[in-house]
Amino acid sequence: MTGKKLIISALVLALVQIGFLNWIIADRAAILRNGKEVLLKVQPVDPRDLLRGDYISLNNNISRIPVKLIANIPQGQFSSEDTSIVVRLKKGADGYWQPTAAWFGKAPSPAGAGEADIAGHVVEGWGLRDTDATIAPDYGIDRFYLPEGEGVAIQDDMRVRPFGIKLALASDGTAQIKALMDGDKTLFEEPLY
């Protein structure tokens, strides 16, 4: 009877693991399918990961946020805490979205028409004293993996002409990279599954 219990326990554990993985994949696919699309300018950094292959590390136009855009810095606070941040974006005349405001924690109101909020995380220690200073939130969109052999060529092209990433934003501000863009041309698109 212990052998039968062991088999049942192993099957239940396997089903729980499969369910968890399906939940992660379905959540990501839901953002890619239903999220609000935002286009950001990017610049290259480094194209190779020994375990996962070619990628481009993305330094985009919201990688650094001016401290003066953060509306709710507590009086007398001179450095950031380990906290979440919401950055409000608005589409510019060139089609790329730009930061217009930011808040530690949550935004005080929902994004309006023509706006979108992206959620990020700021680590402890960024200086807030100087209004000309910037902070670097982590949005989880700093790498885009490419087919093998494509990374170096694309990184070289990124140095001579503008590239962008199309994001899908969930209603809570969670971001997923949807596509790598070369001007108006889609180079690579993330599959839903």
N, C-alpha and C. Protein backbone atom coordinates (compact mmCIF):
# COMPACT_ATOMS: atom_id res chain seq x y z
N MET A 1 0.81 -1.18 0.00
CA MET A 1 0.00 0.00 0.00
C MET A 1 0.87 1.26 0.00
N THR A 2 2.04 1.24 0.56
CA THR A 2 2.92 2.40 0.55
C THR A 2 3.40 2.71 -0.86
N GLY A 3 3.61 1.73 -1.69
CA GLY A 3 4.00 1.96 -3.08
C GLY A 3 2.91 2.71 -3.82
N LYS A 4 1.66 2.36 -3.55
CA LYS A 4 0.53 3.01 -4.21
C LYS A 4 0.43 4.48 -3.76
N LYS A 5 0.64 4.75 -2.48
CA LYS A 5 0.62 6.12 -1.96
C LYS A 5 1.76 6.94 -2.56
N LEU A 6 2.91 6.31 -2.71
CA LEU A 6 4.06 7.00 -3.29
C LEU A 6 3.78 7.39 -4.74
N ILE A 7 3.18 6.51 -5.50
CA ILE A 7 2.86 6.80 -6.90
C ILE A 7 1.82 7.93 -6.97
N ILE A 8 0.81 7.87 -6.13
CA ILE A 8 -0.23 8.91 -6.12
C ILE A 8 0.39 10.25 -5.72
N SER A 9 1.26 10.24 -4.72
CA SER A 9 1.92 11.48 -4.29
C SER A 9 2.78 12.06 -5.41
N ALA A 10 3.50 11.21 -6.12
CA ALA A 10 4.35 11.66 -7.23
C ALA A 10 3.48 12.25 -8.35
N LEU A 11 2.35 11.62 -8.65
CA LEU A 11 1.46 12.13 -9.68
C LEU A 11 0.86 13.49 -9.28
N VAL A 12 0.45 13.62 -8.03
CA VAL A 12 -0.10 14.88 -7.55
C VAL A 12 0.96 15.98 -7.63
N LEU A 13 2.18 15.68 -7.20
CA LEU A 13 3.27 16.65 -7.26
C LEU A 13 3.55 17.06 -8.71
N ALA A 14 3.57 16.09 -9.61
CA ALA A 14 3.80 16.40 -11.03
C ALA A 14 2.70 17.29 -11.58
N LEU A 15 1.46 17.02 -11.22
CA LEU A 15 0.33 17.84 -11.70
C LEU A 15 0.42 19.26 -11.15
N VAL A 16 0.82 19.41 -9.90
CA VAL A 16 0.97 20.74 -9.31
C VAL A 16 2.07 21.51 -10.04
N GLN A 17 3.19 20.87 -10.34
CA GLN A 17 4.28 21.52 -11.05
C GLN A 17 3.85 21.92 -12.46
N ILE A 18 3.17 21.04 -13.15
CA ILE A 18 2.69 21.35 -14.50
C ILE A 18 1.69 22.50 -14.46
N GLY A 19 0.80 22.48 -13.48
CA GLY A 19 -0.17 23.56 -13.34
C GLY A 19 0.51 24.90 -13.09
N PHE A 20 1.54 24.91 -12.23
CA PHE A 20 2.27 26.14 -11.93
C PHE A 20 2.95 26.68 -13.18
N LEU A 21 3.62 25.82 -13.94
CA LEU A 21 4.28 26.26 -15.17
C LEU A 21 3.28 26.79 -16.19
N ASN A 22 2.13 26.12 -16.31
CA ASN A 22 1.09 26.59 -17.22
C ASN A 22 0.57 27.96 -16.79
N TRP A 23 0.43 28.17 -15.49
CA TRP A 23 -0.04 29.45 -14.98
C TRP A 23 0.93 30.57 -15.35
N ILE A 24 2.24 30.33 -15.20
CA ILE A 24 3.26 31.33 -15.54
C ILE A 24 3.19 31.66 -17.03
N ILE A 25 3.12 30.63 -17.86
CA ILE A 25 3.08 30.83 -19.31
C ILE A 25 1.80 31.55 -19.72
N ALA A 26 0.67 31.14 -19.16
CA ALA A 26 -0.60 31.75 -19.52
C ALA A 26 -0.65 33.22 -19.08
N ASP A 27 -0.07 33.55 -17.93
CA ASP A 27 -0.04 34.93 -17.45
C ASP A 27 0.76 35.81 -18.41
N ARG A 28 1.92 35.34 -18.83
CA ARG A 28 2.75 36.07 -19.77
C ARG A 28 2.05 36.23 -21.12
N ALA A 29 1.43 35.16 -21.58
CA ALA A 29 0.72 35.20 -22.87
C ALA A 29 -0.46 36.16 -22.81
N ALA A 30 -1.14 36.23 -21.68
CA ALA A 30 -2.28 37.15 -21.53
C ALA A 30 -1.82 38.60 -21.66
N ILE A 31 -0.67 38.93 -21.08
CA ILE A 31 -0.14 40.29 -21.20
C ILE A 31 0.22 40.57 -22.66
N LEU A 32 0.90 39.63 -23.32
CA LEU A 32 1.28 39.84 -24.72
C LEU A 32 0.06 39.98 -25.62
N ARG A 33 -0.98 39.22 -25.33
CA ARG A 33 -2.18 39.22 -26.17
C ARG A 33 -3.06 40.44 -25.90
N ASN A 34 -3.26 40.80 -24.64
CA ASN A 34 -4.25 41.81 -24.28
C ASN A 34 -3.67 43.13 -23.75
N GLY A 35 -2.37 43.21 -23.53
CA GLY A 35 -1.78 44.40 -22.93
C GLY A 35 -1.75 45.59 -23.86
N LYS A 36 -1.66 46.76 -23.29
CA LYS A 36 -1.56 48.01 -24.07
C LYS A 36 -0.16 48.07 -24.67
N GLU A 37 -0.08 48.37 -25.97
CA GLU A 37 1.21 48.42 -26.66
C GLU A 37 1.87 49.78 -26.49
N VAL A 38 3.17 49.74 -26.20
CA VAL A 38 4.00 50.93 -26.01
C VAL A 38 5.29 50.70 -26.76
N LEU A 39 5.81 51.72 -27.45
CA LEU A 39 7.06 51.63 -28.19
C LEU A 39 8.11 52.50 -27.51
N LEU A 40 9.26 51.89 -27.18
CA LEU A 40 10.36 52.61 -26.53
C LEU A 40 11.60 52.57 -27.41
N LYS A 41 12.40 53.66 -27.42
CA LYS A 41 13.68 53.66 -28.10
C LYS A 41 14.68 52.85 -27.29
N VAL A 42 15.56 52.14 -27.98
CA VAL A 42 16.58 51.35 -27.28
C VAL A 42 17.96 51.59 -27.87
N GLN A 43 18.97 51.29 -27.04
CA GLN A 43 20.37 51.33 -27.44
C GLN A 43 21.01 50.03 -27.00
N PRO A 44 21.98 49.51 -27.75
CA PRO A 44 22.57 48.20 -27.43
C PRO A 44 23.56 48.27 -26.27
N VAL A 45 23.78 47.10 -25.64
CA VAL A 45 24.82 47.00 -24.63
C VAL A 45 25.72 45.80 -24.91
N ASP A 46 25.21 44.55 -24.86
CA ASP A 46 26.05 43.36 -25.01
C ASP A 46 25.23 42.20 -25.56
N PRO A 47 25.72 41.45 -26.58
CA PRO A 47 24.86 40.49 -27.26
C PRO A 47 25.00 39.00 -26.96
N ARG A 48 25.55 38.55 -25.85
CA ARG A 48 25.74 37.10 -25.72
C ARG A 48 25.56 36.62 -24.29
N ASP A 49 24.86 35.50 -24.14
CA ASP A 49 24.69 34.80 -22.88
C ASP A 49 25.09 33.36 -23.15
N LEU A 50 26.05 32.84 -22.43
CA LEU A 50 26.56 31.50 -22.71
C LEU A 50 25.51 30.41 -22.57
N LEU A 51 24.54 30.58 -21.69
CA LEU A 51 23.52 29.55 -21.48
C LEU A 51 22.30 29.71 -22.37
N ARG A 52 21.90 30.95 -22.68
CA ARG A 52 20.66 31.15 -23.43
C ARG A 52 20.86 31.63 -24.85
N GLY A 53 22.10 31.92 -25.25
CA GLY A 53 22.35 32.32 -26.63
C GLY A 53 22.45 33.82 -26.79
N ASP A 54 22.21 34.27 -28.03
CA ASP A 54 22.33 35.68 -28.36
C ASP A 54 21.19 36.48 -27.74
N TYR A 55 21.52 37.66 -27.29
CA TYR A 55 20.51 38.59 -26.81
C TYR A 55 21.05 39.99 -27.00
N ILE A 56 20.15 40.93 -26.92
CA ILE A 56 20.59 42.31 -26.86
C ILE A 56 20.14 42.84 -25.51
N SER A 57 21.05 43.49 -24.84
CA SER A 57 20.73 44.12 -23.57
C SER A 57 20.22 45.51 -23.91
N LEU A 58 19.05 45.83 -23.40
CA LEU A 58 18.35 47.02 -23.83
C LEU A 58 18.44 48.16 -22.84
N ASN A 59 19.01 49.23 -23.28
CA ASN A 59 19.02 50.48 -22.53
C ASN A 59 18.00 51.36 -23.24
N ASN A 60 16.82 51.52 -22.65
CA ASN A 60 15.76 52.24 -23.35
C ASN A 60 15.55 53.63 -22.77
N ASN A 61 14.65 54.38 -23.39
CA ASN A 61 14.46 55.77 -22.98
C ASN A 61 13.75 55.93 -21.64
N ILE A 62 13.38 54.83 -20.97
CA ILE A 62 12.85 54.94 -19.61
C ILE A 62 13.76 54.22 -18.61
N SER A 63 14.97 53.87 -19.05
CA SER A 63 15.92 53.20 -18.16
C SER A 63 16.39 54.10 -17.03
N ARG A 64 16.42 55.39 -17.29
CA ARG A 64 16.80 56.36 -16.27
C ARG A 64 15.70 57.41 -16.19
N ILE A 65 15.16 57.60 -15.00
CA ILE A 65 14.06 58.53 -14.77
C ILE A 65 14.58 59.72 -13.96
N PRO A 66 14.36 60.95 -14.43
CA PRO A 66 14.77 62.11 -13.63
C PRO A 66 14.03 62.13 -12.29
N VAL A 67 14.76 62.40 -11.23
CA VAL A 67 14.17 62.47 -9.89
C VAL A 67 13.05 63.50 -9.84
N LYS A 68 13.17 64.58 -10.60
CA LYS A 68 12.14 65.63 -10.58
C LYS A 68 10.78 65.14 -11.07
N LEU A 69 10.72 63.98 -11.77
CA LEU A 69 9.43 63.43 -12.21
C LEU A 69 8.70 62.68 -11.09
N ILE A 70 9.41 62.32 -10.02
CA ILE A 70 8.80 61.56 -8.93
C ILE A 70 8.00 62.52 -8.05
N ALA A 71 6.69 62.33 -8.05
CA ALA A 71 5.80 63.28 -7.40
C ALA A 71 5.66 63.10 -5.89
N ASN A 72 5.98 61.93 -5.37
CA ASN A 72 5.69 61.69 -3.95
C ASN A 72 6.92 61.34 -3.11
N ILE A 73 8.02 62.05 -3.31
CA ILE A 73 9.19 61.84 -2.47
C ILE A 73 8.90 62.47 -1.11
N PRO A 74 8.95 61.69 -0.04
CA PRO A 74 8.67 62.26 1.29
C PRO A 74 9.65 63.38 1.64
N GLN A 75 9.15 64.39 2.31
CA GLN A 75 9.96 65.53 2.74
C GLN A 75 11.15 65.04 3.57
N GLY A 76 12.34 65.49 3.23
CA GLY A 76 13.53 65.13 4.00
C GLY A 76 14.16 63.80 3.62
N GLN A 77 13.58 63.07 2.66
CA GLN A 77 14.18 61.80 2.24
C GLN A 77 15.23 62.09 1.17
N PHE A 78 16.46 61.63 1.41
CA PHE A 78 17.56 61.96 0.53
C PHE A 78 18.04 60.80 -0.33
N SER A 79 17.50 59.60 -0.09
CA SER A 79 17.85 58.46 -0.94
C SER A 79 16.64 57.55 -1.05
N SER A 80 16.66 56.73 -2.09
CA SER A 80 15.51 55.84 -2.31
C SER A 80 15.57 54.64 -1.38
N GLU A 81 14.41 54.12 -1.09
CA GLU A 81 14.30 52.87 -0.34
C GLU A 81 14.12 51.75 -1.36
N ASP A 82 14.22 50.52 -0.91
CA ASP A 82 13.95 49.36 -1.77
C ASP A 82 12.44 49.32 -1.95
N THR A 83 11.95 49.80 -3.09
CA THR A 83 10.51 49.98 -3.26
C THR A 83 10.08 49.86 -4.71
N SER A 84 8.79 49.79 -4.91
CA SER A 84 8.24 49.77 -6.26
C SER A 84 8.06 51.20 -6.76
N ILE A 85 8.00 51.33 -8.07
CA ILE A 85 7.79 52.63 -8.69
C ILE A 85 6.86 52.44 -9.88
N VAL A 86 6.03 53.43 -10.12
CA VAL A 86 5.16 53.44 -11.30
C VAL A 86 5.55 54.66 -12.12
N VAL A 87 5.79 54.45 -13.41
CA VAL A 87 6.17 55.54 -14.30
C VAL A 87 5.05 55.71 -15.33
N ARG A 88 4.54 56.91 -15.42
CA ARG A 88 3.48 57.22 -16.40
C ARG A 88 4.14 57.60 -17.71
N LEU A 89 3.68 56.98 -18.79
CA LEU A 89 4.21 57.22 -20.13
C LEU A 89 3.15 57.88 -21.00
N LYS A 90 3.63 58.68 -21.95
CA LYS A 90 2.74 59.31 -22.92
C LYS A 90 3.41 59.22 -24.28
N LYS A 91 2.60 58.95 -25.30
CA LYS A 91 3.13 58.78 -26.65
C LYS A 91 3.57 60.13 -27.21
N GLY A 92 4.82 60.16 -27.72
CA GLY A 92 5.36 61.38 -28.30
C GLY A 92 5.00 61.49 -29.77
N ALA A 93 5.31 62.64 -30.36
CA ALA A 93 5.01 62.89 -31.77
C ALA A 93 5.75 61.92 -32.69
N ASP A 94 6.91 61.41 -32.23
CA ASP A 94 7.70 60.48 -33.05
C ASP A 94 7.23 59.03 -32.92
N GLY A 95 6.18 58.79 -32.11
CA GLY A 95 5.65 57.43 -31.95
C GLY A 95 6.22 56.70 -30.75
N TYR A 96 7.31 57.20 -30.18
CA TYR A 96 7.92 56.58 -29.00
C TYR A 96 7.30 57.19 -27.74
N TRP A 97 7.13 56.35 -26.74
CA TRP A 97 6.53 56.79 -25.48
C TRP A 97 7.61 57.34 -24.56
N GLN A 98 7.27 58.40 -23.82
CA GLN A 98 8.20 59.09 -22.94
C GLN A 98 7.64 59.15 -21.52
N PRO A 99 8.51 59.16 -20.50
CA PRO A 99 8.02 59.31 -19.12
C PRO A 99 7.55 60.74 -18.87
N THR A 100 6.41 60.86 -18.19
CA THR A 100 5.89 62.20 -17.86
C THR A 100 5.75 62.42 -16.36
N ALA A 101 5.63 61.32 -15.59
CA ALA A 101 5.50 61.42 -14.13
C ALA A 101 5.88 60.06 -13.54
N ALA A 102 6.15 60.05 -12.24
CA ALA A 102 6.48 58.79 -11.56
C ALA A 102 6.07 58.91 -10.10
N TRP A 103 5.81 57.76 -9.49
CA TRP A 103 5.43 57.70 -8.08
C TRP A 103 6.06 56.48 -7.45
N PHE A 104 6.56 56.63 -6.23
CA PHE A 104 6.95 55.47 -5.45
C PHE A 104 5.66 54.79 -5.00
N GLY A 105 5.63 53.48 -5.04
CA GLY A 105 4.42 52.75 -4.65
C GLY A 105 3.45 52.67 -5.81
N LYS A 106 2.30 53.33 -5.67
CA LYS A 106 1.26 53.27 -6.70
C LYS A 106 0.95 54.67 -7.22
N ALA A 107 0.43 54.70 -8.44
CA ALA A 107 -0.01 55.97 -9.01
C ALA A 107 -1.28 56.42 -8.30
N PRO A 108 -1.45 57.73 -8.07
CA PRO A 108 -2.63 58.22 -7.36
C PRO A 108 -3.93 58.11 -8.17
N SER A 109 -3.80 57.99 -9.49
CA SER A 109 -4.98 57.88 -10.34
C SER A 109 -4.64 57.01 -11.55
N PRO A 110 -5.64 56.40 -12.17
CA PRO A 110 -5.37 55.57 -13.35
C PRO A 110 -4.85 56.43 -14.51
N ALA A 111 -4.12 55.78 -15.41
CA ALA A 111 -3.62 56.47 -16.59
C ALA A 111 -4.80 56.90 -17.46
N GLY A 112 -4.71 58.08 -18.04
CA GLY A 112 -5.77 58.60 -18.89
C GLY A 112 -5.64 58.09 -20.31
N ALA A 113 -6.49 58.58 -21.17
CA ALA A 113 -6.43 58.22 -22.59
C ALA A 113 -5.10 58.70 -23.16
N GLY A 114 -4.45 57.86 -23.93
CA GLY A 114 -3.15 58.23 -24.51
C GLY A 114 -2.00 58.11 -23.53
N GLU A 115 -2.25 57.53 -22.37
CA GLU A 115 -1.20 57.32 -21.37
C GLU A 115 -1.16 55.84 -20.99
N ALA A 116 -0.06 55.45 -20.37
CA ALA A 116 0.09 54.09 -19.85
C ALA A 116 1.02 54.13 -18.66
N ASP A 117 0.82 53.22 -17.72
CA ASP A 117 1.69 53.11 -16.55
C ASP A 117 2.50 51.83 -16.66
N ILE A 118 3.80 51.94 -16.35
CA ILE A 118 4.67 50.78 -16.29
C ILE A 118 5.20 50.66 -14.87
N ALA A 119 5.14 49.45 -14.33
CA ALA A 119 5.59 49.20 -12.96
C ALA A 119 7.04 48.73 -12.97
N GLY A 120 7.80 49.23 -12.02
CA GLY A 120 9.19 48.85 -11.89
C GLY A 120 9.58 48.73 -10.43
N HIS A 121 10.86 48.59 -10.22
CA HIS A 121 11.40 48.44 -8.87
C HIS A 121 12.68 49.25 -8.77
N VAL A 122 12.83 49.97 -7.68
CA VAL A 122 14.03 50.76 -7.42
C VAL A 122 14.72 50.18 -6.19
N VAL A 123 16.03 49.98 -6.31
CA VAL A 123 16.78 49.45 -5.16
C VAL A 123 17.15 50.60 -4.23
N GLU A 124 17.46 50.24 -3.03
CA GLU A 124 17.83 51.20 -1.99
C GLU A 124 19.10 51.94 -2.36
N GLY A 125 19.13 53.24 -2.05
CA GLY A 125 20.37 53.98 -2.14
C GLY A 125 20.47 55.02 -3.23
N TRP A 126 19.54 55.07 -4.17
CA TRP A 126 19.62 56.09 -5.22
C TRP A 126 19.41 57.45 -4.61
N GLY A 127 20.27 58.40 -4.96
CA GLY A 127 20.18 59.74 -4.40
C GLY A 127 18.96 60.50 -4.91
N LEU A 128 18.23 61.13 -3.98
CA LEU A 128 17.04 61.90 -4.33
C LEU A 128 17.21 63.38 -4.00
N ARG A 129 18.33 63.75 -3.46
CA ARG A 129 18.55 65.13 -3.00
C ARG A 129 18.65 66.08 -4.19
N ASP A 130 19.37 65.71 -5.21
CA ASP A 130 19.62 66.56 -6.36
C ASP A 130 18.48 66.39 -7.37
N THR A 131 17.79 67.47 -7.70
CA THR A 131 16.67 67.37 -8.65
C THR A 131 17.14 67.10 -10.07
N ASP A 132 18.43 67.26 -10.36
CA ASP A 132 18.96 66.93 -11.68
C ASP A 132 19.40 65.47 -11.75
N ALA A 133 19.34 64.74 -10.64
CA ALA A 133 19.75 63.34 -10.59
C ALA A 133 18.72 62.46 -11.30
N THR A 134 19.13 61.24 -11.61
CA THR A 134 18.23 60.25 -12.20
C THR A 134 18.32 58.96 -11.39
N ILE A 135 17.27 58.15 -11.48
CA ILE A 135 17.28 56.83 -10.88
C ILE A 135 17.05 55.82 -12.00
N ALA A 136 17.41 54.57 -11.76
CA ALA A 136 17.32 53.53 -12.78
C ALA A 136 16.40 52.41 -12.32
N PRO A 137 15.10 52.52 -12.56
CA PRO A 137 14.18 51.44 -12.18
C PRO A 137 14.42 50.18 -13.00
N ASP A 138 14.11 49.05 -12.42
CA ASP A 138 14.17 47.77 -13.13
C ASP A 138 12.74 47.38 -13.47
N TYR A 139 12.45 47.27 -14.77
CA TYR A 139 11.11 46.90 -15.23
C TYR A 139 11.03 45.45 -15.67
N GLY A 140 12.16 44.75 -15.68
CA GLY A 140 12.19 43.37 -16.16
C GLY A 140 12.18 43.26 -17.67
N ILE A 141 12.57 44.32 -18.36
CA ILE A 141 12.57 44.34 -19.83
C ILE A 141 13.95 44.72 -20.37
N ASP A 142 14.99 44.26 -19.72
CA ASP A 142 16.33 44.70 -20.10
C ASP A 142 17.04 43.78 -21.08
N ARG A 143 16.44 42.64 -21.45
CA ARG A 143 17.06 41.72 -22.42
C ARG A 143 16.02 41.20 -23.39
N PHE A 144 16.47 41.04 -24.65
CA PHE A 144 15.63 40.42 -25.67
C PHE A 144 16.47 39.34 -26.33
N TYR A 145 16.03 38.08 -26.23
CA TYR A 145 16.77 36.96 -26.78
C TYR A 145 16.44 36.78 -28.26
N LEU A 146 17.48 36.48 -29.04
CA LEU A 146 17.38 36.39 -30.49
C LEU A 146 17.81 35.00 -30.96
N PRO A 147 17.48 34.65 -32.21
CA PRO A 147 18.01 33.41 -32.76
C PRO A 147 19.54 33.46 -32.79
N GLU A 148 20.16 32.31 -32.63
CA GLU A 148 21.62 32.25 -32.57
C GLU A 148 22.25 32.87 -33.81
N GLY A 149 23.28 33.68 -33.57
CA GLY A 149 24.01 34.33 -34.65
C GLY A 149 23.45 35.68 -35.06
N GLU A 150 22.34 36.11 -34.50
CA GLU A 150 21.70 37.37 -34.88
C GLU A 150 22.12 38.55 -34.00
N GLY A 151 22.59 38.28 -32.78
CA GLY A 151 22.83 39.34 -31.81
C GLY A 151 23.86 40.37 -32.22
N VAL A 152 25.01 39.93 -32.71
CA VAL A 152 26.09 40.86 -33.05
C VAL A 152 25.68 41.76 -34.20
N ALA A 153 25.06 41.19 -35.25
CA ALA A 153 24.66 41.98 -36.41
C ALA A 153 23.63 43.04 -36.02
N ILE A 154 22.66 42.66 -35.20
CA ILE A 154 21.64 43.63 -34.80
C ILE A 154 22.24 44.70 -33.89
N GLN A 155 23.13 44.29 -32.98
CA GLN A 155 23.77 45.29 -32.12
C GLN A 155 24.55 46.29 -32.95
N ASP A 156 25.26 45.83 -33.99
CA ASP A 156 25.99 46.75 -34.85
C ASP A 156 25.05 47.70 -35.58
N ASP A 157 23.92 47.17 -36.06
CA ASP A 157 22.92 48.02 -36.73
C ASP A 157 22.34 49.05 -35.76
N MET A 158 22.18 48.69 -34.49
CA MET A 158 21.59 49.59 -33.51
C MET A 158 22.47 50.81 -33.25
N ARG A 159 23.74 50.69 -33.57
CA ARG A 159 24.66 51.81 -33.36
C ARG A 159 24.53 52.87 -34.45
N VAL A 160 23.90 52.53 -35.59
CA VAL A 160 23.83 53.47 -36.71
C VAL A 160 22.42 53.96 -37.03
N ARG A 161 21.38 53.30 -36.51
CA ARG A 161 20.02 53.76 -36.77
C ARG A 161 19.12 53.40 -35.59
N PRO A 162 17.98 54.08 -35.45
CA PRO A 162 17.14 53.87 -34.28
C PRO A 162 16.39 52.53 -34.29
N PHE A 163 16.39 51.89 -33.16
CA PHE A 163 15.63 50.67 -32.94
C PHE A 163 14.68 50.91 -31.78
N GLY A 164 13.70 50.06 -31.62
CA GLY A 164 12.77 50.18 -30.51
C GLY A 164 12.29 48.82 -30.07
N ILE A 165 11.63 48.80 -28.93
CA ILE A 165 10.94 47.60 -28.47
C ILE A 165 9.48 47.94 -28.28
N LYS A 166 8.64 47.02 -28.73
CA LYS A 166 7.21 47.17 -28.50
C LYS A 166 6.88 46.36 -27.26
N LEU A 167 6.29 47.03 -26.28
CA LEU A 167 5.92 46.39 -25.03
C LEU A 167 4.42 46.14 -25.00
N ALA A 168 4.04 45.14 -24.23
CA ALA A 168 2.64 44.95 -23.87
C ALA A 168 2.58 45.20 -22.37
N LEU A 169 1.68 46.09 -21.95
CA LEU A 169 1.54 46.44 -20.54
C LEU A 169 0.21 45.94 -20.00
N ALA A 170 0.28 45.18 -18.91
CA ALA A 170 -0.93 44.72 -18.24
C ALA A 170 -1.55 45.90 -17.49
N SER A 171 -2.77 45.73 -17.02
CA SER A 171 -3.45 46.82 -16.32
C SER A 171 -2.73 47.22 -15.03
N ASP A 172 -1.94 46.29 -14.43
CA ASP A 172 -1.19 46.62 -13.22
C ASP A 172 0.20 47.19 -13.51
N GLY A 173 0.53 47.38 -14.81
CA GLY A 173 1.82 47.96 -15.19
C GLY A 173 2.90 46.95 -15.47
N THR A 174 2.62 45.65 -15.30
CA THR A 174 3.60 44.62 -15.62
C THR A 174 3.89 44.65 -17.11
N ALA A 175 5.17 44.63 -17.48
CA ALA A 175 5.57 44.74 -18.88
C ALA A 175 6.15 43.45 -19.41
N GLN A 176 5.86 43.17 -20.67
CA GLN A 176 6.47 42.08 -21.41
C GLN A 176 6.92 42.65 -22.75
N ILE A 177 8.11 42.26 -23.21
CA ILE A 177 8.57 42.69 -24.53
C ILE A 177 7.80 41.88 -25.57
N LYS A 178 7.17 42.59 -26.49
CA LYS A 178 6.35 41.95 -27.51
C LYS A 178 7.13 41.79 -28.82
N ALA A 179 7.94 42.79 -29.18
CA ALA A 179 8.66 42.73 -30.45
C ALA A 179 9.87 43.66 -30.43
N LEU A 180 10.85 43.32 -31.25
CA LEU A 180 12.00 44.17 -31.50
C LEU A 180 11.76 44.84 -32.84
N MET A 181 11.85 46.17 -32.85
CA MET A 181 11.51 46.95 -34.04
C MET A 181 12.74 47.65 -34.60
N ASP A 182 12.84 47.67 -35.94
CA ASP A 182 13.85 48.45 -36.66
C ASP A 182 13.06 49.52 -37.40
N GLY A 183 12.91 50.68 -36.77
CA GLY A 183 12.03 51.70 -37.32
C GLY A 183 10.59 51.20 -37.25
N ASP A 184 9.92 51.13 -38.39
CA ASP A 184 8.55 50.62 -38.46
C ASP A 184 8.49 49.12 -38.73
N LYS A 185 9.63 48.51 -38.97
CA LYS A 185 9.68 47.09 -39.35
C LYS A 185 9.87 46.21 -38.10
N THR A 186 9.03 45.18 -37.97
CA THR A 186 9.17 44.22 -36.87
C THR A 186 10.24 43.21 -37.26
N LEU A 187 11.33 43.15 -36.46
CA LEU A 187 12.40 42.19 -36.72
C LEU A 187 12.09 40.82 -36.10
N PHE A 188 11.74 40.84 -34.84
CA PHE A 188 11.45 39.61 -34.11
C PHE A 188 10.25 39.86 -33.22
N GLU A 189 9.32 38.92 -33.19
CA GLU A 189 8.15 39.03 -32.34
C GLU A 189 8.12 37.85 -31.39
N GLU A 190 7.81 38.13 -30.14
CA GLU A 190 7.72 37.08 -29.13
C GLU A 190 6.48 36.23 -29.39
N PRO A 191 6.64 34.91 -29.40
CA PRO A 191 5.45 34.06 -29.52
C PRO A 191 4.66 34.07 -28.20
N LEU A 192 3.36 33.85 -28.30
CA LEU A 192 2.54 33.83 -27.09
C LEU A 192 2.93 32.66 -26.20
N TYR A 193 3.23 31.52 -26.78
CA TYR A 193 3.55 30.32 -25.99
C TYR A 193 4.85 29.73 -26.41
